[in-house]
Amino acid sequence: MATMQVEVVSPERVLFSGEAKQVITRTLGGGEIAFLPGHAPFLGALTECHTRITLADETVMDVAVHGGFVQVSGNKVSLLSDIAELGDEIDRDRAQRAHEAAEELLRKEHDAEAVSALSRAHARLMATGGLTGTSQAAH
């Protein structure tokens, strides 16, 4: 199968730059979208999400993305994120605690910051293997 160049960049560093077969991410208002080699040009705003990159060797790289943009041009997909974290670098216990704290706050009152915190924690947990033991009703 053909590959494409993929870059995941945050203001702090380049998290990944290499060949991949597929990128699945989520755009604001557009839902989940998959990019394969030869995809038409595309520009979209990213939401907090679990992004999956299928590498040339068929392994999947999990990334928690917290906003930014995705651009497809030629045979290159660029994820330019406000904040991005590789799944294997995320402290799962900390993300679990943040998820639970945000859910608890939202049970008491609707708070925009708590909604955002819950979305960030959800993306982190999904990038580390899923929401085992957490409430998935809000997602």
C-alpha atoms as a PDB file:
ATOM      1  CA  MET A   1       0.000   0.000   0.000  1.00  0.00           C
ATOM      2  CA  ALA A   2       1.176   3.529  -0.781  1.00  0.00           C
ATOM      3  CA  THR A   3       2.365   5.864   1.956  1.00  0.00           C
ATOM      4  CA  MET A   4       2.331   9.601   2.555  1.00  0.00           C
ATOM      5  CA  GLN A   5       4.422  11.996   4.595  1.00  0.00           C
ATOM      6  CA  VAL A   6       2.844  12.843   7.958  1.00  0.00           C
ATOM      7  CA  GLU A   7       3.913  15.486  10.452  1.00  0.00           C
ATOM      8  CA  VAL A   8       2.488  16.136  13.911  1.00  0.00           C
ATOM      9  CA  VAL A   9       3.741  19.458  15.234  1.00  0.00           C
ATOM     10  CA  SER A  10       3.008  21.408  18.407  1.00  0.00           C
ATOM     11  CA  PRO A  11       4.558  24.718  19.452  1.00  0.00           C
ATOM     12  CA  GLU A  12       6.974  22.806  21.703  1.00  0.00           C
ATOM     13  CA  ARG A  13       8.263  20.193  19.243  1.00  0.00           C
ATOM     14  CA  VAL A  14       7.792  17.941  16.245  1.00  0.00           C
ATOM     15  CA  LEU A  15       6.124  14.873  17.753  1.00  0.00           C
ATOM     16  CA  PHE A  16       6.286  12.809  14.583  1.00  0.00           C
ATOM     17  CA  SER A  17       7.588  13.132  11.063  1.00  0.00           C
ATOM     18  CA  GLY A  18       7.564  10.101   8.808  1.00  0.00           C
ATOM     19  CA  GLU A  19       5.755   7.809   6.415  1.00  0.00           C
ATOM     20  CA  ALA A  20       2.243   6.571   7.143  1.00  0.00           C
ATOM     21  CA  LYS A  21      -0.568   4.730   5.381  1.00  0.00           C
ATOM     22  CA  GLN A  22      -3.506   6.473   7.084  1.00  0.00           C
ATOM     23  CA  VAL A  23      -4.401   9.277   9.502  1.00  0.00           C
ATOM     24  CA  ILE A  24      -7.741   9.360  11.322  1.00  0.00           C
ATOM     25  CA  THR A  25      -8.581  12.515  13.264  1.00  0.00           C
ATOM     26  CA  ARG A  26     -11.575  14.697  14.171  1.00  0.00           C
ATOM     27  CA  THR A  27     -12.399  18.139  12.846  1.00  0.00           C
ATOM     28  CA  LEU A  28     -14.579  20.827  14.393  1.00  0.00           C
ATOM     29  CA  GLY A  29     -18.097  20.465  13.055  1.00  0.00           C
ATOM     30  CA  GLY A  30     -17.000  17.823  10.556  1.00  0.00           C
ATOM     31  CA  GLY A  31     -16.617  14.725  12.672  1.00  0.00           C
ATOM     32  CA  GLU A  32     -14.027  12.034  12.202  1.00  0.00           C
ATOM     33  CA  ILE A  33     -12.110  12.000   8.924  1.00  0.00           C
ATOM     34  CA  ALA A  34      -9.580   9.587   7.441  1.00  0.00           C
ATOM     35  CA  PHE A  35      -6.751  10.606   5.141  1.00  0.00           C
ATOM     36  CA  LEU A  36      -5.088   8.141   2.771  1.00  0.00           C
ATOM     37  CA  PRO A  37      -2.272   8.702   0.273  1.00  0.00           C
ATOM     38  CA  GLY A  38      -3.501  10.820  -2.634  1.00  0.00           C
ATOM     39  CA  HIS A  39      -6.263  12.559  -0.612  1.00  0.00           C
ATOM     40  CA  ALA A  40      -7.606  15.765  -2.134  1.00  0.00           C
ATOM     41  CA  PRO A  41      -6.297  19.036  -0.668  1.00  0.00           C
ATOM     42  CA  PHE A  42      -7.959  19.759   2.661  1.00  0.00           C
ATOM     43  CA  LEU A  43      -7.783  22.280   5.497  1.00  0.00           C
ATOM     44  CA  GLY A  44      -9.766  21.892   8.704  1.00  0.00           C
ATOM     45  CA  ALA A  45      -9.810  22.944  12.338  1.00  0.00           C
ATOM     46  CA  LEU A  46      -9.065  20.160  14.811  1.00  0.00           C
ATOM     47  CA  THR A  47     -11.023  19.526  17.965  1.00  0.00           C
ATOM     48  CA  GLU A  48      -9.789  17.719  21.072  1.00  0.00           C
ATOM     49  CA  CYS A  49      -9.529  14.128  19.924  1.00  0.00           C
ATOM     50  CA  HIS A  50      -7.721  10.836  19.748  1.00  0.00           C
ATOM     51  CA  THR A  51      -5.834  10.774  16.437  1.00  0.00           C
ATOM     52  CA  ARG A  52      -4.616   7.475  15.010  1.00  0.00           C
ATOM     53  CA  ILE A  53      -1.733   7.261  12.545  1.00  0.00           C
ATOM     54  CA  THR A  54      -1.176   3.927  10.809  1.00  0.00           C
ATOM     55  CA  LEU A  55       2.532   3.798  10.085  1.00  0.00           C
ATOM     56  CA  ALA A  56       4.155   2.160   7.059  1.00  0.00           C
ATOM     57  CA  ASP A  57       4.862  -0.991   9.131  1.00  0.00           C
ATOM     58  CA  GLU A  58       1.125  -1.252  10.111  1.00  0.00           C
ATOM     59  CA  THR A  59       1.675  -0.205  13.740  1.00  0.00           C
ATOM     60  CA  VAL A  60      -0.675   2.489  15.019  1.00  0.00           C
ATOM     61  CA  MET A  61       0.598   5.630  16.711  1.00  0.00           C
ATOM     62  CA  ASP A  62      -1.941   7.119  19.110  1.00  0.00           C
ATOM     63  CA  VAL A  63      -1.906  10.880  19.655  1.00  0.00           C
ATOM     64  CA  ALA A  64      -4.047  13.107  21.877  1.00  0.00           C
ATOM     65  CA  VAL A  65      -4.665  16.320  19.941  1.00  0.00           C
ATOM     66  CA  HIS A  66      -6.028  19.440  21.614  1.00  0.00           C
ATOM     67  CA  GLY A  67      -7.058  21.851  18.878  1.00  0.00           C
ATOM     68  CA  GLY A  68      -5.175  23.222  15.900  1.00  0.00           C
ATOM     69  CA  PHE A  69      -5.408  22.505  12.183  1.00  0.00           C
ATOM     70  CA  VAL A  70      -5.007  19.651   9.728  1.00  0.00           C
ATOM     71  CA  GLN A  71      -3.739  20.369   6.234  1.00  0.00           C
ATOM     72  CA  VAL A  72      -3.443  17.974   3.317  1.00  0.00           C
ATOM     73  CA  SER A  73      -1.407  19.108   0.342  1.00  0.00           C
ATOM     74  CA  GLY A  74       0.167  16.891  -2.259  1.00  0.00           C
ATOM     75  CA  ASN A  75       1.018  13.636  -0.521  1.00  0.00           C
ATOM     76  CA  LYS A  76       1.542  15.233   2.906  1.00  0.00           C
ATOM     77  CA  VAL A  77      -0.708  15.457   5.972  1.00  0.00           C
ATOM     78  CA  SER A  78       0.275  18.068   8.560  1.00  0.00           C
ATOM     79  CA  LEU A  79      -1.336  18.196  11.993  1.00  0.00           C
ATOM     80  CA  LEU A  80      -0.494  21.572  13.511  1.00  0.00           C
ATOM     81  CA  SER A  81      -1.778  21.372  17.051  1.00  0.00           C
ATOM     82  CA  ASP A  82      -2.015  23.830  19.915  1.00  0.00           C
ATOM     83  CA  ILE A  83      -1.090  20.889  22.173  1.00  0.00           C
ATOM     84  CA  ALA A  84      -0.426  17.293  21.139  1.00  0.00           C
ATOM     85  CA  GLU A  85       0.765  14.307  23.160  1.00  0.00           C
ATOM     86  CA  LEU A  86       1.914  10.880  22.066  1.00  0.00           C
ATOM     87  CA  GLY A  87      -0.181   8.185  23.722  1.00  0.00           C
ATOM     88  CA  ASP A  88       2.805   6.391  25.214  1.00  0.00           C
ATOM     89  CA  GLU A  89       3.972   9.633  26.905  1.00  0.00           C
ATOM     90  CA  ILE A  90       0.669  10.389  28.661  1.00  0.00           C
ATOM     91  CA  ASP A  91       0.275   9.797  32.412  1.00  0.00           C
ATOM     92  CA  ARG A  92      -2.878   7.659  32.282  1.00  0.00           C
ATOM     93  CA  ASP A  93      -3.585   7.906  36.038  1.00  0.00           C
ATOM     94  CA  ARG A  94      -3.410  11.705  35.905  1.00  0.00           C
ATOM     95  CA  ALA A  95      -5.714  11.763  32.867  1.00  0.00           C
ATOM     96  CA  GLN A  96      -8.142   9.453  34.693  1.00  0.00           C
ATOM     97  CA  ARG A  97      -8.210  11.766  37.732  1.00  0.00           C
ATOM     98  CA  ALA A  98      -8.779  14.819  35.491  1.00  0.00           C
ATOM     99  CA  HIS A  99     -11.615  13.001  33.715  1.00  0.00           C
ATOM    100  CA  GLU A 100     -13.305  12.103  37.003  1.00  0.00           C
ATOM    101  CA  ALA A 101     -12.900  15.632  38.406  1.00  0.00           C
ATOM    102  CA  ALA A 102     -14.416  17.200  35.274  1.00  0.00           C
ATOM    103  CA  GLU A 103     -17.345  14.757  35.329  1.00  0.00           C
ATOM    104  CA  GLU A 104     -17.964  15.525  39.015  1.00  0.00           C
ATOM    105  CA  LEU A 105     -17.988  19.273  38.371  1.00  0.00           C
ATOM    106  CA  LEU A 106     -20.361  18.851  35.427  1.00  0.00           C
ATOM    107  CA  ARG A 107     -22.787  16.870  37.610  1.00  0.00           C
ATOM    108  CA  LYS A 108     -23.135  19.998  39.755  1.00  0.00           C
ATOM    109  CA  GLU A 109     -23.238  22.697  37.083  1.00  0.00           C
ATOM    110  CA  HIS A 110     -22.579  23.290  33.404  1.00  0.00           C
ATOM    111  CA  ASP A 111     -19.184  24.926  33.191  1.00  0.00           C
ATOM    112  CA  ALA A 112     -17.380  25.623  29.910  1.00  0.00           C
ATOM    113  CA  GLU A 113     -13.935  25.021  31.428  1.00  0.00           C
ATOM    114  CA  ALA A 114     -15.082  21.676  32.857  1.00  0.00           C
ATOM    115  CA  VAL A 115     -16.432  20.664  29.429  1.00  0.00           C
ATOM    116  CA  SER A 116     -13.068  21.536  27.891  1.00  0.00           C
ATOM    117  CA  ALA A 117     -11.173  19.680  30.643  1.00  0.00           C
ATOM    118  CA  LEU A 118     -13.367  16.619  30.097  1.00  0.00           C
ATOM    119  CA  SER A 119     -12.671  16.708  26.346  1.00  0.00           C
ATOM    120  CA  ARG A 120      -8.907  16.941  26.948  1.00  0.00           C
ATOM    121  CA  ALA A 121      -8.961  14.091  29.470  1.00  0.00           C
ATOM    122  CA  HIS A 122     -11.109  11.994  27.125  1.00  0.00           C
ATOM    123  CA  ALA A 123      -8.629  12.475  24.261  1.00  0.00           C
ATOM    124  CA  ARG A 124      -5.726  11.531  26.541  1.00  0.00           C
ATOM    125  CA  LEU A 125      -7.462   8.412  27.839  1.00  0.00           C
ATOM    126  CA  MET A 126      -8.444   7.282  24.351  1.00  0.00           C
ATOM    127  CA  ALA A 127      -4.831   7.746  23.183  1.00  0.00           C
ATOM    128  CA  THR A 128      -3.651   5.507  26.037  1.00  0.00           C
ATOM    129  CA  GLY A 129      -5.996   2.633  25.318  1.00  0.00           C
ATOM    130  CA  GLY A 130      -9.556   3.756  25.913  1.00  0.00           C
ATOM    131  CA  LEU A 131     -11.978   4.744  28.642  1.00  0.00           C
ATOM    132  CA  THR A 132     -11.825   1.578  30.740  1.00  0.00           C
ATOM    133  CA  GLY A 133     -13.647   2.213  33.978  1.00  0.00           C
ATOM    134  CA  THR A 134     -14.920   5.666  33.049  1.00  0.00           C
ATOM    135  CA  SER A 135     -18.282   6.944  31.970  1.00  0.00           C
ATOM    136  CA  GLN A 136     -18.631   6.996  28.199  1.00  0.00           C
ATOM    137  CA  ALA A 137     -22.160   8.396  28.155  1.00  0.00           C
ATOM    138  CA  ALA A 138     -21.032  11.962  27.463  1.00  0.00           C
ATOM    139  CA  HIS A 139     -18.920  10.914  24.493  1.00  0.00           C
END
